[in-house]
Amino acid sequence: MRRAWGNTMVIAAMLLAPGCASIKKSDTARTGLEQLLVSSAIDRSLNKIDWSPIRGAPVFVETKYLDCVDKNYVIIGVHQRLLANNCTIVDKAEDSAVTLEIGAGAVGTDRQDTFLGIPEISMPSSQVALPRMAIFTREKSNGTAKLAVIAYDTKSKRPVINSGTSLARSDHKDWSLLGAGPVISGSVPTEVYAQTGESDSVLTAPSAIASKAKLTR
């Protein structure tokens, strides 16, 4: 009887004793959204280029003129499109029929914030501040990629692809009204929804629904 009473007291003490637990959280140096904005803009820029003139050729890719953020993704994106056109990627220029050079005029992101309401007001006589009252907020983020791709005959140096620069943008927009929201739209949320079926928006944009429907047919 005493043993059973002792066990009961131990369990009660464990339930009543205060406890704490902590979960360690960390974020990458660059957010996933930022990287998606950049990579989506790069894909859009590369997709504007006509690769058919070098279809099936052995190609040497010269990257010494490429200096930008996510440089490796640009190179892999070029390789993907060359392989999709049945090109052979070679390691040396002397083994190629075509030399392809890549350069970047701009690869990055920018953001615009819009706020309508009463900003936070600090009280001079105390450490208390009146909180911000937002009627309408909007945040728009863009990814931009301006790439130059030229290709020429390795021996004669005659141009094969010289289409100038290819400029493309991606975007992510969200807005809230009187604290309700966010409503999220843009090319990146549409791409995420089409590939994963996930959305952070309280409303799903029609364009995202259409993209999802195409993939499930």
Foldseek 3Di string as FASTA:
>chain_A
DVVVVVVVVVVVCVVPDDDDDDDDDDDDPDHPVFVLFQLVFLLQLVVVFDPQLQQQWAEEEDEPQADDPPSVSNVVSVVVVNVVSNYHYDHDLVVTQKYKYKYWPDWGKDKDKDFDFAPWAADPVDRDIDHTFTQKIKMKMKTKTKMFMWMAGSVVRHTRGGPDIGIGMWMKMWMDGRNDWTAIDTDSQLVCCLVPVDHPTPDDDPSSVVSVVVVVD
